[in-house]
């Protein structure tokens, strides 16, 4: 099934590009948020060091693992049968690995009162993410790039946007939980800066995704 390998490559390439864009945007937002405040000379180096270490090691490595876990799970479903039972088994089998690569797991206190809420959002994210990936992977028609693959998977911009907004909703729910009580973050200082950057980053990324979606369907 050469088309699965082709689609696997196209999806992975796009996801990695989105990851790098998000990490770069995060660094810019951190810098912006650190431009004001009386305690900048104390907080600035701590937050920047934290973010740079996190982005270069844990975030990049973890996100790549999540991409691979999801794509491999989707490929396995297509090769061995994608019944509801098989889907649920794959989710249960691979969720813990997915979670351990997630920044929710790595950067938040597991004993915090809101951690179980974040964990549930992560599981629902994985479930929905996997469903979308399977739909993309199973396209057999001729495609040359990720844009072609999206148009073949989602026949209209409206359907594609519904799918995108559903996935973004899970990210929004996770950020809201952290906004509700930032003490869930394990970083000792600069939590408000991190949370504000998360929200702004999400809002900007959401706009970029919608622009990209419009380009995919308007310029075909």
N, C-alpha and C. Protein backbone atom coordinates (compact mmCIF):
# COMPACT_ATOMS: atom_id res chain seq x y z
N UNK A 1 0.83 -1.20 0.00
CA UNK A 1 0.00 0.00 0.00
C UNK A 1 0.87 1.26 0.00
N UNK A 2 1.37 1.58 -1.18
CA UNK A 2 2.30 2.71 -1.29
C UNK A 2 1.65 4.03 -0.93
N UNK A 3 0.34 4.14 -1.14
CA UNK A 3 -0.33 5.41 -0.86
C UNK A 3 -0.29 5.74 0.64
N UNK A 4 -0.29 4.72 1.50
CA UNK A 4 -0.21 4.96 2.94
C UNK A 4 1.15 5.57 3.30
N UNK A 5 2.21 5.03 2.73
CA UNK A 5 3.55 5.57 2.98
C UNK A 5 3.67 6.99 2.45
N UNK A 6 3.09 7.23 1.26
CA UNK A 6 3.12 8.59 0.69
C UNK A 6 2.40 9.57 1.61
N UNK A 7 1.20 9.19 2.04
CA UNK A 7 0.41 10.07 2.91
C UNK A 7 1.08 10.26 4.27
N UNK A 8 1.68 9.19 4.78
CA UNK A 8 2.42 9.25 6.05
C UNK A 8 3.50 10.33 5.98
N UNK A 9 4.25 10.33 4.90
CA UNK A 9 5.33 11.31 4.72
C UNK A 9 4.78 12.72 4.63
N UNK A 10 3.71 12.91 3.84
CA UNK A 10 3.14 14.25 3.67
C UNK A 10 2.60 14.81 4.98
N UNK A 11 1.92 13.96 5.76
CA UNK A 11 1.37 14.41 7.05
C UNK A 11 2.49 14.75 8.02
N UNK A 12 3.48 13.87 8.11
CA UNK A 12 4.58 14.08 9.04
C UNK A 12 5.35 15.35 8.70
N UNK A 13 5.59 15.58 7.44
CA UNK A 13 6.30 16.78 7.00
C UNK A 13 5.54 18.03 7.43
N UNK A 14 4.22 18.06 7.24
CA UNK A 14 3.42 19.21 7.61
C UNK A 14 3.38 19.41 9.13
N UNK A 15 3.23 18.31 9.89
CA UNK A 15 3.17 18.42 11.34
C UNK A 15 4.48 18.94 11.93
N UNK A 16 5.59 18.50 11.38
CA UNK A 16 6.89 18.98 11.86
C UNK A 16 7.04 20.47 11.56
N UNK A 17 6.60 20.89 10.38
CA UNK A 17 6.66 22.30 10.02
C UNK A 17 5.83 23.14 10.99
N UNK A 18 4.63 22.65 11.32
CA UNK A 18 3.77 23.37 12.26
C UNK A 18 4.39 23.42 13.65
N UNK A 19 5.05 22.34 14.05
CA UNK A 19 5.72 22.30 15.35
C UNK A 19 6.81 23.37 15.42
N UNK A 20 7.65 23.44 14.39
CA UNK A 20 8.75 24.41 14.39
C UNK A 20 8.21 25.84 14.40
N UNK A 21 7.15 26.08 13.64
CA UNK A 21 6.54 27.41 13.62
C UNK A 21 6.00 27.79 14.99
N UNK A 22 5.39 26.83 15.68
CA UNK A 22 4.82 27.09 17.00
C UNK A 22 5.91 27.40 18.03
N UNK A 23 7.01 26.66 17.97
CA UNK A 23 8.11 26.90 18.91
C UNK A 23 8.76 28.26 18.68
N UNK A 24 8.89 28.64 17.42
CA UNK A 24 9.46 29.94 17.10
C UNK A 24 8.54 31.06 17.56
N UNK A 25 7.24 30.88 17.34
CA UNK A 25 6.26 31.87 17.79
C UNK A 25 6.27 32.00 19.31
N UNK A 26 6.38 30.88 20.00
CA UNK A 26 6.41 30.90 21.46
C UNK A 26 7.57 31.74 21.99
N UNK A 27 8.74 31.59 21.37
CA UNK A 27 9.92 32.36 21.81
C UNK A 27 9.70 33.85 21.61
N UNK A 28 9.09 34.22 20.49
CA UNK A 28 8.81 35.64 20.22
C UNK A 28 7.82 36.19 21.23
N UNK A 29 6.81 35.40 21.57
CA UNK A 29 5.81 35.85 22.53
C UNK A 29 6.39 35.99 23.94
N UNK A 30 7.28 35.06 24.30
CA UNK A 30 7.95 35.15 25.60
C UNK A 30 8.74 36.45 25.68
N UNK A 31 9.47 36.78 24.62
CA UNK A 31 10.24 38.03 24.58
C UNK A 31 9.33 39.23 24.72
N UNK A 32 8.19 39.21 24.04
CA UNK A 32 7.24 40.32 24.10
C UNK A 32 6.71 40.52 25.51
N UNK A 33 6.34 39.42 26.15
CA UNK A 33 5.79 39.49 27.50
C UNK A 33 6.83 39.93 28.52
N UNK A 34 8.11 39.72 28.20
CA UNK A 34 9.17 40.06 29.15
C UNK A 34 9.67 41.50 28.99
N UNK A 35 9.05 42.26 28.10
CA UNK A 35 9.50 43.62 27.86
C UNK A 35 9.04 44.59 28.94
N UNK A 36 8.12 44.16 29.80
CA UNK A 36 7.63 45.06 30.85
C UNK A 36 7.71 44.37 32.20
N UNK A 37 7.74 45.18 33.25
CA UNK A 37 7.73 44.61 34.59
C UNK A 37 8.96 45.00 35.39
N UNK A 38 8.75 45.34 36.65
CA UNK A 38 9.84 45.81 37.50
C UNK A 38 10.85 44.71 37.81
N UNK A 39 10.42 43.46 37.79
CA UNK A 39 11.32 42.36 38.16
C UNK A 39 11.90 41.64 36.96
N UNK A 40 11.92 42.32 35.80
CA UNK A 40 12.45 41.69 34.59
C UNK A 40 13.86 41.17 34.78
N UNK A 41 14.68 41.91 35.48
CA UNK A 41 16.09 41.53 35.61
C UNK A 41 16.24 40.21 36.37
N UNK A 42 15.21 39.84 37.13
CA UNK A 42 15.22 38.55 37.84
C UNK A 42 14.48 37.48 37.04
N UNK A 43 13.28 37.84 36.58
CA UNK A 43 12.41 36.86 35.93
C UNK A 43 12.88 36.52 34.52
N UNK A 44 13.36 37.52 33.78
CA UNK A 44 13.69 37.34 32.37
C UNK A 44 14.65 36.19 32.11
N UNK A 45 15.81 36.14 32.75
CA UNK A 45 16.73 35.03 32.48
C UNK A 45 16.17 33.66 32.87
N UNK A 46 15.36 33.61 33.93
CA UNK A 46 14.78 32.33 34.37
C UNK A 46 13.80 31.80 33.35
N UNK A 47 12.89 32.67 32.91
CA UNK A 47 11.85 32.25 31.97
C UNK A 47 12.46 31.91 30.60
N UNK A 48 13.39 32.74 30.14
CA UNK A 48 14.02 32.48 28.84
C UNK A 48 14.80 31.18 28.86
N UNK A 49 15.54 30.95 29.93
CA UNK A 49 16.31 29.71 30.05
C UNK A 49 15.38 28.51 30.07
N UNK A 50 14.31 28.64 30.84
CA UNK A 50 13.31 27.56 30.89
C UNK A 50 12.75 27.29 29.51
N UNK A 51 12.31 28.34 28.81
CA UNK A 51 11.67 28.14 27.51
C UNK A 51 12.65 27.58 26.48
N UNK A 52 13.86 28.12 26.44
CA UNK A 52 14.84 27.66 25.46
C UNK A 52 15.19 26.19 25.69
N UNK A 53 15.38 25.82 26.95
CA UNK A 53 15.68 24.41 27.25
C UNK A 53 14.50 23.53 26.87
N UNK A 54 13.31 23.97 27.25
CA UNK A 54 12.10 23.21 26.98
C UNK A 54 11.87 23.05 25.48
N UNK A 55 12.03 24.16 24.73
CA UNK A 55 11.77 24.13 23.29
C UNK A 55 12.78 23.26 22.55
N UNK A 56 14.06 23.37 22.96
CA UNK A 56 15.10 22.65 22.25
C UNK A 56 15.15 21.16 22.58
N UNK A 57 14.66 20.80 23.75
CA UNK A 57 14.76 19.39 24.14
C UNK A 57 13.39 18.76 24.31
N UNK A 58 12.73 19.06 25.40
CA UNK A 58 11.50 18.35 25.74
C UNK A 58 10.37 18.58 24.74
N UNK A 59 10.11 19.82 24.37
CA UNK A 59 8.97 20.11 23.49
C UNK A 59 9.17 19.49 22.12
N UNK A 60 10.34 19.71 21.53
CA UNK A 60 10.59 19.18 20.19
C UNK A 60 10.60 17.66 20.20
N UNK A 61 11.34 17.08 21.14
CA UNK A 61 11.42 15.62 21.22
C UNK A 61 10.06 15.01 21.50
N UNK A 62 9.33 15.59 22.45
CA UNK A 62 8.03 15.06 22.82
C UNK A 62 7.02 15.16 21.69
N UNK A 63 6.99 16.31 21.00
CA UNK A 63 6.04 16.49 19.91
C UNK A 63 6.33 15.53 18.76
N UNK A 64 7.60 15.33 18.46
CA UNK A 64 7.97 14.36 17.42
C UNK A 64 7.51 12.96 17.79
N UNK A 65 7.65 12.61 19.05
CA UNK A 65 7.17 11.30 19.51
C UNK A 65 5.66 11.18 19.32
N UNK A 66 4.93 12.25 19.68
CA UNK A 66 3.48 12.23 19.53
C UNK A 66 3.07 12.09 18.07
N UNK A 67 3.78 12.78 17.19
CA UNK A 67 3.50 12.67 15.76
C UNK A 67 3.71 11.24 15.29
N UNK A 68 4.85 10.65 15.68
CA UNK A 68 5.17 9.28 15.26
C UNK A 68 4.18 8.26 15.84
N UNK A 69 3.84 8.43 17.12
CA UNK A 69 2.89 7.51 17.76
C UNK A 69 1.54 7.55 17.04
N UNK A 70 1.08 8.75 16.74
CA UNK A 70 -0.23 8.89 16.09
C UNK A 70 -0.20 8.33 14.68
N UNK A 71 0.83 8.67 13.91
CA UNK A 71 0.93 8.17 12.54
C UNK A 71 1.09 6.65 12.51
N UNK A 72 1.91 6.11 13.39
CA UNK A 72 2.10 4.66 13.43
C UNK A 72 0.83 3.94 13.87
N UNK A 73 0.11 4.55 14.80
CA UNK A 73 -1.17 3.97 15.24
C UNK A 73 -2.17 3.96 14.09
N UNK A 74 -2.23 5.07 13.35
CA UNK A 74 -3.13 5.15 12.22
C UNK A 74 -2.78 4.15 11.13
N UNK A 75 -1.51 4.01 10.87
CA UNK A 75 -1.05 3.05 9.86
C UNK A 75 -1.40 1.62 10.28
N UNK A 76 -1.21 1.32 11.54
CA UNK A 76 -1.54 -0.01 12.06
C UNK A 76 -3.03 -0.31 11.90
N UNK A 77 -3.87 0.69 12.15
CA UNK A 77 -5.31 0.51 12.01
C UNK A 77 -5.69 0.21 10.56
N UNK A 78 -5.08 0.92 9.63
CA UNK A 78 -5.41 0.71 8.22
C UNK A 78 -4.94 -0.65 7.73
N UNK A 79 -3.82 -1.11 8.25
CA UNK A 79 -3.27 -2.39 7.81
C UNK A 79 -3.97 -3.58 8.46
N UNK A 80 -4.45 -3.39 9.69
CA UNK A 80 -5.01 -4.52 10.45
C UNK A 80 -6.51 -4.43 10.70
N UNK A 81 -7.15 -3.39 10.18
CA UNK A 81 -8.58 -3.24 10.40
C UNK A 81 -8.89 -2.08 11.31
N UNK A 82 -9.81 -1.21 10.89
CA UNK A 82 -10.09 0.02 11.65
C UNK A 82 -11.49 0.02 12.25
N UNK A 83 -11.91 -1.13 12.75
CA UNK A 83 -13.20 -1.21 13.43
C UNK A 83 -13.17 -0.36 14.69
N UNK A 84 -14.34 -0.07 15.24
CA UNK A 84 -14.41 0.73 16.47
C UNK A 84 -13.67 0.04 17.61
N UNK A 85 -13.79 -1.29 17.66
CA UNK A 85 -13.09 -2.05 18.70
C UNK A 85 -11.58 -1.93 18.54
N UNK A 86 -11.09 -2.06 17.31
CA UNK A 86 -9.66 -1.94 17.05
C UNK A 86 -9.16 -0.55 17.37
N UNK A 87 -9.97 0.45 17.02
CA UNK A 87 -9.61 1.85 17.29
C UNK A 87 -9.45 2.08 18.78
N UNK A 88 -10.42 1.62 19.55
CA UNK A 88 -10.37 1.81 21.00
C UNK A 88 -9.19 1.08 21.62
N UNK A 89 -8.88 -0.10 21.10
CA UNK A 89 -7.74 -0.86 21.62
C UNK A 89 -6.42 -0.14 21.34
N UNK A 90 -6.31 0.44 20.15
CA UNK A 90 -5.10 1.18 19.79
C UNK A 90 -4.93 2.39 20.69
N UNK A 91 -6.04 3.08 20.96
CA UNK A 91 -5.98 4.26 21.84
C UNK A 91 -5.52 3.86 23.23
N UNK A 92 -6.11 2.81 23.77
CA UNK A 92 -5.74 2.35 25.12
C UNK A 92 -4.29 1.87 25.16
N UNK A 93 -3.85 1.22 24.11
CA UNK A 93 -2.50 0.68 24.06
C UNK A 93 -1.44 1.77 23.99
N UNK A 94 -1.72 2.83 23.24
CA UNK A 94 -0.69 3.83 22.95
C UNK A 94 -0.86 5.16 23.69
N UNK A 95 -1.97 5.33 24.40
CA UNK A 95 -2.19 6.63 25.03
C UNK A 95 -1.14 6.98 26.07
N UNK A 96 -0.72 6.02 26.88
CA UNK A 96 0.26 6.34 27.92
C UNK A 96 1.56 6.85 27.31
N UNK A 97 1.99 6.23 26.21
CA UNK A 97 3.20 6.70 25.53
C UNK A 97 2.99 8.10 24.96
N UNK A 98 1.81 8.33 24.42
CA UNK A 98 1.46 9.64 23.88
C UNK A 98 1.46 10.68 25.01
N UNK A 99 0.88 10.31 26.15
CA UNK A 99 0.79 11.22 27.29
C UNK A 99 2.17 11.57 27.83
N UNK A 100 3.05 10.58 27.93
CA UNK A 100 4.38 10.80 28.48
C UNK A 100 5.23 11.70 27.58
N UNK A 101 4.83 11.82 26.32
CA UNK A 101 5.52 12.72 25.39
C UNK A 101 4.86 14.10 25.36
N UNK A 102 3.74 14.23 26.07
CA UNK A 102 2.95 15.46 26.05
C UNK A 102 3.48 16.44 27.10
N UNK A 103 3.44 17.74 26.76
CA UNK A 103 3.94 18.75 27.69
C UNK A 103 3.01 18.93 28.89
N UNK A 104 1.76 18.52 28.74
CA UNK A 104 0.85 18.48 29.89
C UNK A 104 1.45 17.58 30.97
N UNK A 105 1.92 16.43 30.54
CA UNK A 105 2.49 15.43 31.46
C UNK A 105 3.82 15.92 32.04
N UNK A 106 4.64 16.54 31.21
CA UNK A 106 6.00 16.89 31.63
C UNK A 106 6.11 18.19 32.40
N UNK A 107 5.26 19.15 32.10
CA UNK A 107 5.42 20.47 32.69
C UNK A 107 4.39 20.80 33.77
N UNK A 108 3.48 19.87 34.05
CA UNK A 108 2.46 20.12 35.06
C UNK A 108 2.56 19.11 36.21
N UNK A 109 2.16 19.55 37.38
CA UNK A 109 2.20 18.69 38.57
C UNK A 109 1.11 17.62 38.47
N UNK A 110 1.52 16.36 38.63
CA UNK A 110 0.57 15.25 38.53
C UNK A 110 -0.29 15.12 39.78
N UNK A 111 0.07 15.83 40.83
CA UNK A 111 -0.70 15.77 42.07
C UNK A 111 -1.65 16.97 42.21
N UNK A 112 -1.61 17.87 41.23
CA UNK A 112 -2.48 19.05 41.28
C UNK A 112 -3.93 18.64 41.12
N UNK A 113 -4.82 19.39 41.74
CA UNK A 113 -6.25 19.06 41.72
C UNK A 113 -6.84 19.05 40.31
N UNK A 114 -6.23 19.80 39.39
CA UNK A 114 -6.77 19.89 38.02
C UNK A 114 -6.05 18.98 37.03
N UNK A 115 -5.09 18.20 37.51
CA UNK A 115 -4.30 17.40 36.57
C UNK A 115 -5.15 16.36 35.84
N UNK A 116 -6.07 15.72 36.53
CA UNK A 116 -6.91 14.70 35.89
C UNK A 116 -7.73 15.30 34.75
N UNK A 117 -8.13 16.56 34.90
CA UNK A 117 -8.86 17.23 33.82
C UNK A 117 -7.97 17.37 32.59
N UNK A 118 -6.72 17.78 32.82
CA UNK A 118 -5.78 17.92 31.71
C UNK A 118 -5.49 16.58 31.05
N UNK A 119 -5.37 15.55 31.86
CA UNK A 119 -5.10 14.22 31.33
C UNK A 119 -6.25 13.75 30.45
N UNK A 120 -7.48 14.02 30.87
CA UNK A 120 -8.65 13.64 30.08
C UNK A 120 -8.69 14.39 28.76
N UNK A 121 -8.34 15.68 28.79
CA UNK A 121 -8.29 16.46 27.55
C UNK A 121 -7.22 15.88 26.62
N UNK A 122 -6.08 15.48 27.17
CA UNK A 122 -5.02 14.88 26.36
C UNK A 122 -5.50 13.60 25.69
N UNK A 123 -6.27 12.80 26.41
CA UNK A 123 -6.78 11.54 25.84
C UNK A 123 -7.77 11.82 24.72
N UNK A 124 -8.67 12.77 24.93
CA UNK A 124 -9.63 13.13 23.90
C UNK A 124 -8.92 13.73 22.69
N UNK A 125 -7.85 14.48 22.94
CA UNK A 125 -7.05 15.05 21.85
C UNK A 125 -6.44 13.94 21.00
N UNK A 126 -5.85 12.96 21.66
CA UNK A 126 -5.23 11.83 20.96
C UNK A 126 -6.28 11.08 20.14
N UNK A 127 -7.43 10.84 20.74
CA UNK A 127 -8.51 10.11 20.07
C UNK A 127 -8.93 10.84 18.79
N UNK A 128 -9.18 12.13 18.91
CA UNK A 128 -9.63 12.92 17.76
C UNK A 128 -8.53 13.09 16.72
N UNK A 129 -7.31 13.30 17.18
CA UNK A 129 -6.14 13.45 16.32
C UNK A 129 -5.95 12.18 15.49
N UNK A 130 -6.08 11.03 16.13
CA UNK A 130 -5.92 9.75 15.45
C UNK A 130 -7.01 9.54 14.41
N UNK A 131 -8.24 9.92 14.72
CA UNK A 131 -9.32 9.79 13.76
C UNK A 131 -9.03 10.61 12.50
N UNK A 132 -8.54 11.82 12.69
CA UNK A 132 -8.21 12.67 11.54
C UNK A 132 -7.07 12.11 10.73
N UNK A 133 -6.06 11.59 11.41
CA UNK A 133 -4.90 11.03 10.73
C UNK A 133 -5.28 9.81 9.89
N UNK A 134 -6.16 8.96 10.43
CA UNK A 134 -6.61 7.78 9.69
C UNK A 134 -7.31 8.21 8.40
N UNK A 135 -8.12 9.23 8.48
CA UNK A 135 -8.82 9.72 7.29
C UNK A 135 -7.84 10.21 6.23
N UNK A 136 -6.79 10.87 6.68
CA UNK A 136 -5.77 11.36 5.74
C UNK A 136 -4.95 10.21 5.16
N UNK A 137 -4.59 9.27 6.01
CA UNK A 137 -3.74 8.16 5.57
C UNK A 137 -4.42 7.26 4.54
N UNK A 138 -5.73 7.13 4.61
CA UNK A 138 -6.41 6.14 3.77
C UNK A 138 -6.75 6.64 2.37
N UNK A 139 -6.38 7.88 2.04
CA UNK A 139 -6.68 8.41 0.71
C UNK A 139 -5.81 7.73 -0.35
N UNK A 140 -6.45 7.11 -1.32
CA UNK A 140 -5.73 6.38 -2.37
C UNK A 140 -5.53 7.19 -3.64
N UNK A 141 -6.33 8.23 -3.83
CA UNK A 141 -6.25 9.00 -5.07
C UNK A 141 -4.91 9.73 -5.18
N UNK A 142 -4.58 10.13 -6.40
CA UNK A 142 -3.29 10.76 -6.68
C UNK A 142 -3.22 12.15 -6.03
N UNK A 143 -2.20 12.36 -5.21
CA UNK A 143 -1.97 13.67 -4.59
C UNK A 143 -0.48 13.99 -4.66
N UNK A 144 -0.17 15.28 -4.75
CA UNK A 144 1.22 15.70 -4.87
C UNK A 144 1.76 16.35 -3.60
N UNK A 145 0.86 16.88 -2.78
CA UNK A 145 1.31 17.56 -1.57
C UNK A 145 0.22 17.48 -0.50
N UNK A 146 0.50 18.10 0.65
CA UNK A 146 -0.45 18.04 1.76
C UNK A 146 -1.76 18.74 1.44
N UNK A 147 -1.68 19.82 0.65
CA UNK A 147 -2.91 20.51 0.25
C UNK A 147 -3.82 19.61 -0.56
N UNK A 148 -3.23 18.89 -1.51
CA UNK A 148 -4.01 17.92 -2.30
C UNK A 148 -4.64 16.87 -1.40
N UNK A 149 -3.85 16.40 -0.42
CA UNK A 149 -4.32 15.36 0.48
C UNK A 149 -5.52 15.86 1.31
N UNK A 150 -5.45 17.09 1.78
CA UNK A 150 -6.56 17.67 2.55
C UNK A 150 -7.82 17.78 1.70
N UNK A 151 -7.66 18.26 0.48
CA UNK A 151 -8.83 18.43 -0.39
C UNK A 151 -9.45 17.09 -0.76
N UNK A 152 -8.61 16.07 -0.88
CA UNK A 152 -9.13 14.73 -1.18
C UNK A 152 -9.84 14.13 0.04
N UNK A 153 -9.38 14.49 1.24
CA UNK A 153 -9.95 13.96 2.49
C UNK A 153 -11.21 14.69 2.88
N UNK A 154 -11.17 16.02 2.79
CA UNK A 154 -12.31 16.86 3.16
C UNK A 154 -12.79 17.59 1.90
N UNK A 155 -13.89 17.16 1.31
CA UNK A 155 -14.32 17.66 0.01
C UNK A 155 -14.69 19.14 -0.04
N UNK A 156 -14.92 19.76 1.10
CA UNK A 156 -15.24 21.19 1.10
C UNK A 156 -14.48 21.90 2.22
N UNK A 157 -14.31 23.20 2.06
CA UNK A 157 -13.61 24.00 3.07
C UNK A 157 -14.38 23.99 4.38
N UNK A 158 -15.70 23.96 4.30
CA UNK A 158 -16.53 23.97 5.50
C UNK A 158 -16.29 22.72 6.34
N UNK A 159 -16.21 21.56 5.68
CA UNK A 159 -15.97 20.30 6.39
C UNK A 159 -14.57 20.30 6.99
N UNK A 160 -13.60 20.78 6.22
CA UNK A 160 -12.21 20.84 6.71
C UNK A 160 -12.11 21.78 7.91
N UNK A 161 -12.84 22.91 7.87
CA UNK A 161 -12.80 23.87 8.97
C UNK A 161 -13.44 23.29 10.22
N UNK A 162 -14.53 22.55 10.07
CA UNK A 162 -15.17 21.90 11.21
C UNK A 162 -14.20 20.95 11.90
N UNK A 163 -13.46 20.19 11.10
CA UNK A 163 -12.47 19.25 11.64
C UNK A 163 -11.36 19.99 12.37
N UNK A 164 -10.87 21.08 11.76
CA UNK A 164 -9.82 21.89 12.37
C UNK A 164 -10.27 22.50 13.69
N UNK A 165 -11.46 23.08 13.71
CA UNK A 165 -11.95 23.75 14.91
C UNK A 165 -12.18 22.75 16.04
N UNK A 166 -12.60 21.55 15.69
CA UNK A 166 -12.79 20.53 16.72
C UNK A 166 -11.47 20.20 17.39
N UNK A 167 -10.40 20.06 16.59
CA UNK A 167 -9.10 19.74 17.17
C UNK A 167 -8.57 20.91 18.00
N UNK A 168 -8.75 22.12 17.49
CA UNK A 168 -8.29 23.30 18.23
C UNK A 168 -9.04 23.48 19.54
N UNK A 169 -10.27 23.02 19.59
CA UNK A 169 -11.08 23.14 20.81
C UNK A 169 -10.43 22.39 21.98
N UNK A 170 -9.80 21.26 21.69
CA UNK A 170 -9.14 20.50 22.75
C UNK A 170 -7.96 21.30 23.32
N UNK A 171 -7.19 21.95 22.43
CA UNK A 171 -6.08 22.78 22.89
C UNK A 171 -6.58 23.93 23.75
N UNK A 172 -7.66 24.55 23.30
CA UNK A 172 -8.26 25.66 24.04
C UNK A 172 -8.70 25.21 25.43
N UNK A 173 -9.31 24.04 25.52
CA UNK A 173 -9.76 23.52 26.82
C UNK A 173 -8.57 23.29 27.76
N UNK A 174 -7.48 22.78 27.22
CA UNK A 174 -6.29 22.55 28.04
C UNK A 174 -5.71 23.84 28.58
N UNK A 175 -5.64 24.86 27.73
CA UNK A 175 -5.11 26.16 28.16
C UNK A 175 -6.01 26.78 29.22
N UNK A 176 -7.31 26.64 29.06
CA UNK A 176 -8.23 27.20 30.04
C UNK A 176 -8.04 26.58 31.43
N UNK A 177 -7.72 25.31 31.46
CA UNK A 177 -7.48 24.65 32.75
C UNK A 177 -6.24 25.25 33.42
N UNK A 178 -5.19 25.51 32.64
CA UNK A 178 -3.98 26.12 33.18
C UNK A 178 -4.24 27.56 33.59
N UNK A 179 -5.03 28.28 32.78
CA UNK A 179 -5.38 29.67 33.11
C UNK A 179 -6.18 29.73 34.42
N UNK A 180 -7.01 28.73 34.63
CA UNK A 180 -7.83 28.69 35.84
C UNK A 180 -6.98 28.66 37.10
N UNK A 181 -5.85 27.93 37.06
CA UNK A 181 -4.96 27.84 38.21
C UNK A 181 -3.56 27.51 37.72
N UNK A 182 -2.74 28.56 37.53
CA UNK A 182 -1.40 28.37 36.95
C UNK A 182 -0.44 27.66 37.89
N UNK A 183 -0.84 27.42 39.15
CA UNK A 183 0.04 26.69 40.06
C UNK A 183 0.24 25.24 39.62
N UNK A 184 -0.53 24.80 38.63
CA UNK A 184 -0.34 23.46 38.10
C UNK A 184 0.99 23.34 37.35
N UNK A 185 1.53 24.48 36.87
CA UNK A 185 2.82 24.48 36.18
C UNK A 185 3.95 24.28 37.19
N UNK A 186 4.95 23.49 36.81
CA UNK A 186 6.05 23.20 37.72
C UNK A 186 7.12 24.28 37.72
N UNK A 187 7.11 25.19 36.74
CA UNK A 187 8.09 26.27 36.72
C UNK A 187 7.87 27.17 37.94
N UNK A 188 8.93 27.51 38.71
CA UNK A 188 8.76 28.26 39.96
C UNK A 188 8.43 29.73 39.78
N UNK A 189 8.89 30.34 38.66
CA UNK A 189 8.66 31.77 38.44
C UNK A 189 8.17 32.00 37.02
N UNK A 190 7.50 33.13 36.82
CA UNK A 190 7.08 33.52 35.48
C UNK A 190 5.89 32.76 34.94
N UNK A 191 5.08 32.18 35.84
CA UNK A 191 3.93 31.39 35.38
C UNK A 191 2.94 32.24 34.59
N UNK A 192 2.69 33.47 35.07
CA UNK A 192 1.73 34.33 34.38
C UNK A 192 2.21 34.65 32.96
N UNK A 193 3.51 34.82 32.81
CA UNK A 193 4.07 35.11 31.49
C UNK A 193 3.88 33.91 30.57
N UNK A 194 4.18 32.72 31.09
CA UNK A 194 4.03 31.50 30.31
C UNK A 194 2.58 31.30 29.89
N UNK A 195 1.66 31.49 30.81
CA UNK A 195 0.24 31.28 30.53
C UNK A 195 -0.26 32.30 29.51
N UNK A 196 0.15 33.55 29.67
CA UNK A 196 -0.28 34.58 28.73
C UNK A 196 0.28 34.29 27.34
N UNK A 197 1.52 33.84 27.27
CA UNK A 197 2.13 33.49 25.98
C UNK A 197 1.42 32.29 25.35
N UNK A 198 1.00 31.33 26.17
CA UNK A 198 0.26 30.18 25.67
C UNK A 198 -1.04 30.63 25.01
N UNK A 199 -1.77 31.52 25.68
CA UNK A 199 -3.05 31.99 25.14
C UNK A 199 -2.84 32.78 23.85
N UNK A 200 -1.89 33.70 23.86
CA UNK A 200 -1.64 34.50 22.66
C UNK A 200 -1.14 33.62 21.52
N UNK A 201 -0.28 32.66 21.86
CA UNK A 201 0.23 31.74 20.84
C UNK A 201 -0.88 30.92 20.22
N UNK A 202 -1.80 30.46 21.05
CA UNK A 202 -2.94 29.69 20.54
C UNK A 202 -3.79 30.55 19.62
N UNK A 203 -4.09 31.78 20.03
CA UNK A 203 -4.93 32.66 19.22
C UNK A 203 -4.29 32.96 17.86
N UNK A 204 -2.98 33.22 17.88
CA UNK A 204 -2.28 33.51 16.62
C UNK A 204 -2.19 32.27 15.73
N UNK A 205 -1.91 31.13 16.36
CA UNK A 205 -1.80 29.89 15.60
C UNK A 205 -3.15 29.53 14.97
N UNK A 206 -4.21 29.75 15.71
CA UNK A 206 -5.56 29.48 15.19
C UNK A 206 -5.83 30.33 13.95
N UNK A 207 -5.45 31.60 14.00
CA UNK A 207 -5.64 32.48 12.84
C UNK A 207 -4.80 32.01 11.66
N UNK A 208 -3.56 31.58 11.93
CA UNK A 208 -2.68 31.10 10.86
C UNK A 208 -3.23 29.83 10.22
N UNK A 209 -3.77 28.94 11.04
CA UNK A 209 -4.35 27.70 10.52
C UNK A 209 -5.54 28.00 9.61
N UNK A 210 -6.36 28.97 10.00
CA UNK A 210 -7.53 29.32 9.19
C UNK A 210 -7.09 29.95 7.88
N UNK A 211 -6.07 30.82 7.92
CA UNK A 211 -5.53 31.42 6.69
C UNK A 211 -4.99 30.32 5.77
N UNK A 212 -4.25 29.38 6.35
CA UNK A 212 -3.70 28.27 5.57
C UNK A 212 -4.80 27.42 4.96
N UNK A 213 -5.85 27.20 5.73
CA UNK A 213 -7.00 26.43 5.24
C UNK A 213 -7.66 27.14 4.08
N UNK A 214 -7.85 28.44 4.21
CA UNK A 214 -8.45 29.22 3.12
C UNK A 214 -7.60 29.15 1.87
N UNK A 215 -6.28 29.25 2.05
CA UNK A 215 -5.37 29.17 0.91
C UNK A 215 -5.46 27.81 0.23
N UNK A 216 -5.57 26.77 1.04
CA UNK A 216 -5.64 25.40 0.50
C UNK A 216 -6.85 25.21 -0.39
N UNK A 217 -7.99 25.79 0.02
CA UNK A 217 -9.22 25.58 -0.74
C UNK A 217 -9.53 26.69 -1.75
N UNK A 218 -9.04 27.89 -1.51
CA UNK A 218 -9.33 29.00 -2.43
C UNK A 218 -8.38 29.04 -3.62
N UNK A 219 -7.17 28.47 -3.44
CA UNK A 219 -6.16 28.53 -4.50
C UNK A 219 -5.92 27.21 -5.19
N UNK A 220 -6.89 26.32 -5.10
CA UNK A 220 -6.72 25.00 -5.73
C UNK A 220 -6.79 25.11 -7.24
